[in-house]
Amino acid sequence: MPTTALARFIDAHRRLFVLTGAGCSTDSGIPDYRDADGAWKRTPPVMFQAFMGDERTRRRYWARSLVGWRHFGRAEPNGAHHALSKLETLGRLERLVTQNVDGLHQRAGNRQVVDLHGRLDLVRCMGCELRMQRTDFQCELERLNPAWAALDAAGLPDGDADLDGKDFDRFVVPSCPACGGVLKPDVVFYGENVPRERVADAMQSWESADAVLVVGSSLMVFSGYRFVHAAARAGKPVAAVNLGRTRADPLLSLKVEQPCAEALAFLLA
């Protein structure tokens, strides 16, 4: 059985470097990005250059985020998160690097976490670097846009919502209260680089690990794939739990095609 093989893999490697992706959080009600072939299920997320350079793009983003945050912000850790927290409790986790921006690993109890792409529960000023809680920013968005606060729509992976067909021209986006600069979620957008110190932190942990375990990622984005590629070049075994194709399939020692919580349930038994 695949789970038995995964249990043997984890048992054989005492210090695991774990890399997680969107598939880890789908059982928490947060949709994933890609289908079984690794292709986009929907329109790709907003690009960093478009967000920073176009006021209309920012209005559209924050209007969708205002509606979507109500769902995203209420998400709770699922069995996969709790299983990976158990690995840390057992002293088997060298580091957990997540491509997700939901903070659910920390809420499940993990402490050795690198949020590779940042956290959606923080908002950052691109001018003066002021940071504020997303919950506080949500209150300001709703105060300035009361008609939008009454809307509801299906949630999307980035904490926004499907509001196609809406007119965003009158949506009001607050500026930074300190300097008047552009406010952006404190996450790495497509077209934006992951901070070097964050990558270096994760790489240092990877070098100390015995093996790599990928949970719920197609690895189509290089920021995550780089760790698997480096592990394979160094001769470290890599296992992946993912429904469908991954970019690293030829490099894997073991692949388990099951939902993440189901595949890792033995850790909580």
Protein backbone atom coordinates (compact mmCIF):
# COMPACT_ATOMS: atom_id res chain seq x y z
CA MET A 1 0.00 0.00 0.00
CA PRO A 2 1.27 3.54 -0.75
CA THR A 3 0.80 4.69 2.86
CA THR A 4 2.93 1.78 4.09
CA ALA A 5 5.70 2.80 1.70
CA LEU A 6 5.42 6.39 2.93
CA ALA A 7 5.60 5.23 6.56
CA ARG A 8 8.76 3.28 5.74
CA PHE A 9 10.26 6.31 4.01
CA ILE A 10 9.60 8.55 7.01
CA ASP A 11 10.84 5.91 9.44
CA ALA A 12 14.07 5.47 7.48
CA HIS A 13 15.01 9.16 7.49
CA ARG A 14 15.35 10.76 10.89
CA ARG A 15 15.61 14.41 9.83
CA LEU A 16 13.12 15.42 7.17
CA PHE A 17 12.99 18.61 5.16
CA VAL A 18 9.31 19.05 4.37
CA LEU A 19 8.03 21.24 1.54
CA THR A 20 4.28 21.88 1.34
CA GLY A 21 2.00 23.38 -1.28
CA ALA A 22 -1.64 24.17 -1.97
CA GLY A 23 -2.75 20.53 -1.84
CA CYS A 24 -1.95 20.50 1.87
CA SER A 25 -4.72 23.04 2.55
CA THR A 26 -7.51 21.88 0.24
CA ASP A 27 -9.15 19.89 3.07
CA SER A 28 -9.31 23.19 4.97
CA GLY A 29 -11.53 24.63 2.25
CA ILE A 30 -8.83 26.60 0.42
CA PRO A 31 -8.87 25.71 -3.31
CA ASP A 32 -5.67 24.71 -5.10
CA TYR A 33 -4.27 26.20 -8.29
CA ARG A 34 -3.56 23.36 -10.70
CA ASP A 35 -5.18 20.25 -12.14
CA ALA A 36 -3.74 16.72 -12.22
CA ASP A 37 -1.55 17.64 -15.21
CA GLY A 38 -0.09 20.68 -13.47
CA ALA A 39 -2.02 23.19 -15.61
CA TRP A 40 -3.86 26.21 -14.19
CA LYS A 41 -7.46 25.46 -13.16
CA ARG A 42 -8.40 29.14 -13.54
CA THR A 43 -6.89 32.49 -14.52
CA PRO A 44 -3.36 32.76 -13.07
CA PRO A 45 -2.92 35.11 -10.07
CA VAL A 46 -2.20 38.81 -10.53
CA MET A 47 1.36 39.71 -11.52
CA PHE A 48 3.47 41.90 -9.24
CA GLN A 49 4.21 44.38 -12.04
CA ALA A 50 0.49 44.80 -12.84
CA PHE A 51 -0.43 45.27 -9.18
CA MET A 52 2.22 47.91 -8.60
CA GLY A 53 1.83 49.71 -11.91
CA ASP A 54 -1.93 49.90 -12.43
CA GLU A 55 -4.43 51.42 -10.01
CA ARG A 56 -7.36 49.58 -11.66
CA THR A 57 -5.60 46.26 -11.08
CA ARG A 58 -5.20 47.14 -7.40
CA ARG A 59 -8.90 48.03 -7.13
CA ARG A 60 -9.87 44.73 -8.69
CA TYR A 61 -7.51 42.77 -6.45
CA TRP A 62 -8.62 44.37 -3.18
CA ALA A 63 -12.32 44.19 -4.06
CA ARG A 64 -12.01 40.45 -4.68
CA SER A 65 -9.88 40.09 -1.55
CA LEU A 66 -12.43 41.93 0.60
CA VAL A 67 -15.03 39.29 -0.29
CA GLY A 68 -12.69 36.29 -0.30
CA TRP A 69 -10.98 37.05 3.01
CA ARG A 70 -14.11 36.12 4.98
CA HIS A 71 -13.70 32.51 3.82
CA PHE A 72 -9.91 32.37 3.77
CA GLY A 73 -9.51 33.95 7.19
CA ARG A 74 -11.78 31.34 8.82
CA ALA A 75 -9.91 28.30 7.49
CA GLU A 76 -8.77 25.78 10.11
CA PRO A 77 -5.86 23.29 10.00
CA ASN A 78 -6.75 19.85 8.69
CA GLY A 79 -5.32 16.40 9.29
CA ALA A 80 -2.30 17.01 7.04
CA HIS A 81 -1.27 20.05 9.07
CA HIS A 82 -1.71 18.18 12.34
CA ALA A 83 0.28 15.20 11.04
CA LEU A 84 3.21 17.44 10.11
CA SER A 85 3.00 19.11 13.51
CA LYS A 86 3.27 15.64 15.05
CA LEU A 87 6.48 15.04 13.06
CA GLU A 88 7.98 18.14 14.66
CA THR A 89 6.82 17.05 18.12
CA LEU A 90 8.57 13.72 17.55
CA GLY A 91 11.81 15.51 16.67
CA ARG A 92 11.75 14.24 13.08
CA LEU A 93 11.40 17.58 11.30
CA GLU A 94 14.51 19.50 10.30
CA ARG A 95 12.41 22.31 8.81
CA LEU A 96 9.06 22.83 7.19
CA VAL A 97 9.07 25.16 4.19
CA THR A 98 5.63 26.07 2.90
CA GLN A 99 4.64 27.69 -0.37
CA ASN A 100 1.24 28.43 1.19
CA VAL A 101 0.36 31.82 2.63
CA ASP A 102 -2.41 30.71 5.02
CA GLY A 103 -0.46 30.28 8.28
CA LEU A 104 -2.21 26.96 8.96
CA HIS A 105 0.99 25.08 9.81
CA GLN A 106 1.67 27.46 12.68
CA ARG A 107 -1.92 27.21 13.86
CA ALA A 108 -1.56 23.42 13.91
CA GLY A 109 1.48 23.74 16.18
CA ASN A 110 4.51 23.79 13.88
CA ARG A 111 7.24 26.21 14.95
CA GLN A 112 10.07 25.37 12.54
CA VAL A 113 8.34 26.99 9.55
CA VAL A 114 9.67 29.08 6.68
CA ASP A 115 6.81 30.93 4.94
CA LEU A 116 8.52 30.95 1.57
CA HIS A 117 5.90 33.14 -0.11
CA GLY A 118 4.96 35.21 2.95
CA ARG A 119 1.68 35.44 4.87
CA LEU A 120 -1.69 36.71 3.69
CA ASP A 121 -2.69 37.76 7.21
CA LEU A 122 -0.27 40.72 6.97
CA VAL A 123 -0.40 43.81 4.76
CA ARG A 124 2.79 45.67 3.85
CA CYS A 125 3.46 49.21 2.62
CA MET A 126 5.71 49.11 -0.43
CA GLY A 127 7.02 52.55 0.47
CA CYS A 128 7.87 52.72 4.17
CA GLU A 129 7.62 48.96 4.99
CA LEU A 130 4.85 49.50 7.56
CA ARG A 131 3.03 46.25 8.31
CA MET A 132 -0.48 45.83 9.63
CA GLN A 133 -2.79 42.93 10.40
CA ARG A 134 -5.03 41.88 7.53
CA THR A 135 -8.01 41.82 9.90
CA ASP A 136 -7.51 45.53 10.62
CA PHE A 137 -7.13 46.29 6.94
CA GLN A 138 -10.32 44.32 6.24
CA CYS A 139 -12.24 46.62 8.59
CA GLU A 140 -10.95 49.65 6.71
CA LEU A 141 -11.84 48.14 3.32
CA GLU A 142 -15.38 47.42 4.53
CA ARG A 143 -15.74 50.91 6.04
CA LEU A 144 -14.80 52.55 2.75
CA ASN A 145 -16.76 50.09 0.59
CA PRO A 146 -19.93 49.10 2.50
CA ALA A 147 -21.77 47.85 -0.60
CA TRP A 148 -18.98 45.37 -1.35
CA ALA A 149 -18.97 44.10 2.23
CA ALA A 150 -22.44 42.62 1.64
CA LEU A 151 -21.33 40.54 -1.38
CA ASP A 152 -20.50 36.86 -1.28
CA ALA A 153 -18.81 34.67 -3.90
CA ALA A 154 -16.82 31.48 -4.28
CA GLY A 155 -13.39 31.65 -2.70
CA LEU A 156 -10.18 31.30 -4.73
CA PRO A 157 -6.70 30.05 -3.75
CA ASP A 158 -5.18 33.45 -2.99
CA GLY A 159 -7.86 34.47 -0.52
CA ASP A 160 -9.78 36.44 -3.12
CA ALA A 161 -13.17 35.65 -4.72
CA ASP A 162 -14.68 35.18 -8.15
CA LEU A 163 -16.30 38.54 -8.96
CA ASP A 164 -16.14 38.47 -12.76
CA GLY A 165 -18.43 40.99 -14.38
CA LYS A 166 -18.31 43.50 -11.53
CA ASP A 167 -17.35 47.15 -12.07
CA PHE A 168 -14.39 47.97 -9.82
CA ASP A 169 -13.96 51.61 -10.84
CA ARG A 170 -15.60 53.03 -7.69
CA PHE A 171 -13.90 50.67 -5.26
CA VAL A 172 -11.78 52.65 -2.77
CA VAL A 173 -8.35 51.26 -1.85
CA PRO A 174 -6.78 52.77 1.28
CA SER A 175 -3.24 54.11 1.09
CA CYS A 176 -0.61 53.59 3.77
CA PRO A 177 -1.65 55.60 6.86
CA ALA A 178 1.99 56.48 7.54
CA CYS A 179 3.34 57.57 4.14
CA GLY A 180 0.51 57.33 1.62
CA GLY A 181 2.24 54.48 -0.22
CA VAL A 182 0.82 51.43 -1.98
CA LEU A 183 -0.41 48.67 0.35
CA LYS A 184 0.07 45.07 -0.75
CA PRO A 185 -0.46 41.70 0.92
CA ASP A 186 2.81 40.62 2.53
CA VAL A 187 3.13 37.74 0.08
CA VAL A 188 5.32 37.08 -2.94
CA PHE A 189 3.30 37.73 -6.10
CA TYR A 190 4.05 36.11 -9.45
CA GLY A 191 6.84 38.14 -11.05
CA GLU A 192 8.27 39.04 -7.64
CA ASN A 193 11.36 37.41 -6.12
CA VAL A 194 11.37 35.47 -2.88
CA PRO A 195 13.61 37.39 -0.43
CA ARG A 196 17.16 36.03 -0.57
CA GLU A 197 17.49 35.62 3.19
CA ARG A 198 14.34 33.46 3.22
CA VAL A 199 15.73 31.16 0.53
CA ALA A 200 19.09 31.00 2.33
CA ASP A 201 17.37 30.07 5.59
CA ALA A 202 15.49 27.25 3.89
CA MET A 203 18.56 26.02 2.01
CA GLN A 204 20.60 25.84 5.20
CA SER A 205 17.97 23.59 6.75
CA TRP A 206 17.79 21.45 3.62
CA GLU A 207 21.53 20.79 3.80
CA SER A 208 21.13 19.37 7.33
CA ALA A 209 18.27 17.03 6.40
CA ASP A 210 18.47 13.34 5.51
CA ALA A 211 15.65 13.43 2.97
CA VAL A 212 12.96 15.63 1.45
CA LEU A 213 9.20 15.10 1.75
CA VAL A 214 6.94 17.10 -0.57
CA VAL A 215 3.31 17.40 0.54
CA GLY A 216 0.65 18.75 -1.81
CA SER A 217 2.73 20.54 -4.43
CA SER A 218 3.06 20.09 -8.18
CA LEU A 219 6.42 21.92 -7.90
CA MET A 220 5.64 23.86 -11.07
CA VAL A 221 6.97 27.05 -9.46
CA PHE A 222 10.77 27.22 -9.30
CA SER A 223 10.82 28.68 -5.79
CA GLY A 224 9.77 25.28 -4.45
CA TYR A 225 11.21 23.04 -7.16
CA ARG A 226 14.73 24.32 -6.46
CA PHE A 227 14.88 22.35 -3.18
CA VAL A 228 13.91 19.07 -4.80
CA HIS A 229 16.31 19.62 -7.68
CA ALA A 230 19.14 20.37 -5.26
CA ALA A 231 18.31 17.31 -3.16
CA ALA A 232 18.35 15.03 -6.19
CA ARG A 233 21.72 16.42 -7.32
CA ALA A 234 23.10 15.79 -3.82
CA GLY A 235 21.81 12.21 -3.82
CA LYS A 236 19.20 12.78 -1.10
CA PRO A 237 15.99 10.78 -1.45
CA VAL A 238 12.77 12.68 -2.20
CA ALA A 239 9.22 11.47 -1.56
CA ALA A 240 6.10 13.32 -2.70
CA VAL A 241 2.44 13.14 -1.72
CA ASN A 242 0.47 14.77 -4.51
CA LEU A 243 -2.60 14.11 -6.64
CA GLY A 244 -1.35 14.25 -10.22
CA ARG A 245 1.86 15.10 -12.01
CA THR A 246 4.70 17.04 -10.44
CA ARG A 247 7.55 18.81 -12.18
CA ALA A 248 9.97 16.55 -10.27
CA ASP A 249 8.43 13.15 -11.06
CA PRO A 250 11.67 11.79 -12.62
CA LEU A 251 13.60 12.78 -9.47
CA LEU A 252 11.35 11.10 -6.90
CA SER A 253 12.26 8.05 -4.86
CA LEU A 254 8.61 7.59 -3.88
CA LYS A 255 5.33 9.11 -4.99
CA VAL A 256 2.00 8.70 -3.20
CA GLU A 257 -1.05 9.86 -5.18
CA GLN A 258 -3.52 10.36 -2.33
CA PRO A 259 -5.07 13.37 -0.60
CA CYS A 260 -2.50 14.72 1.85
CA ALA A 261 -4.51 14.21 5.05
CA GLU A 262 -5.34 10.65 4.04
CA ALA A 263 -1.76 9.76 3.15
CA LEU A 264 -0.36 11.16 6.41
CA ALA A 265 -3.14 9.90 8.72
CA PHE A 266 -0.92 7.10 10.06
CA LEU A 267 1.18 9.73 11.87
CA LEU A 268 -1.84 10.59 14.04
CA ALA A 269 -2.88 7.01 14.74
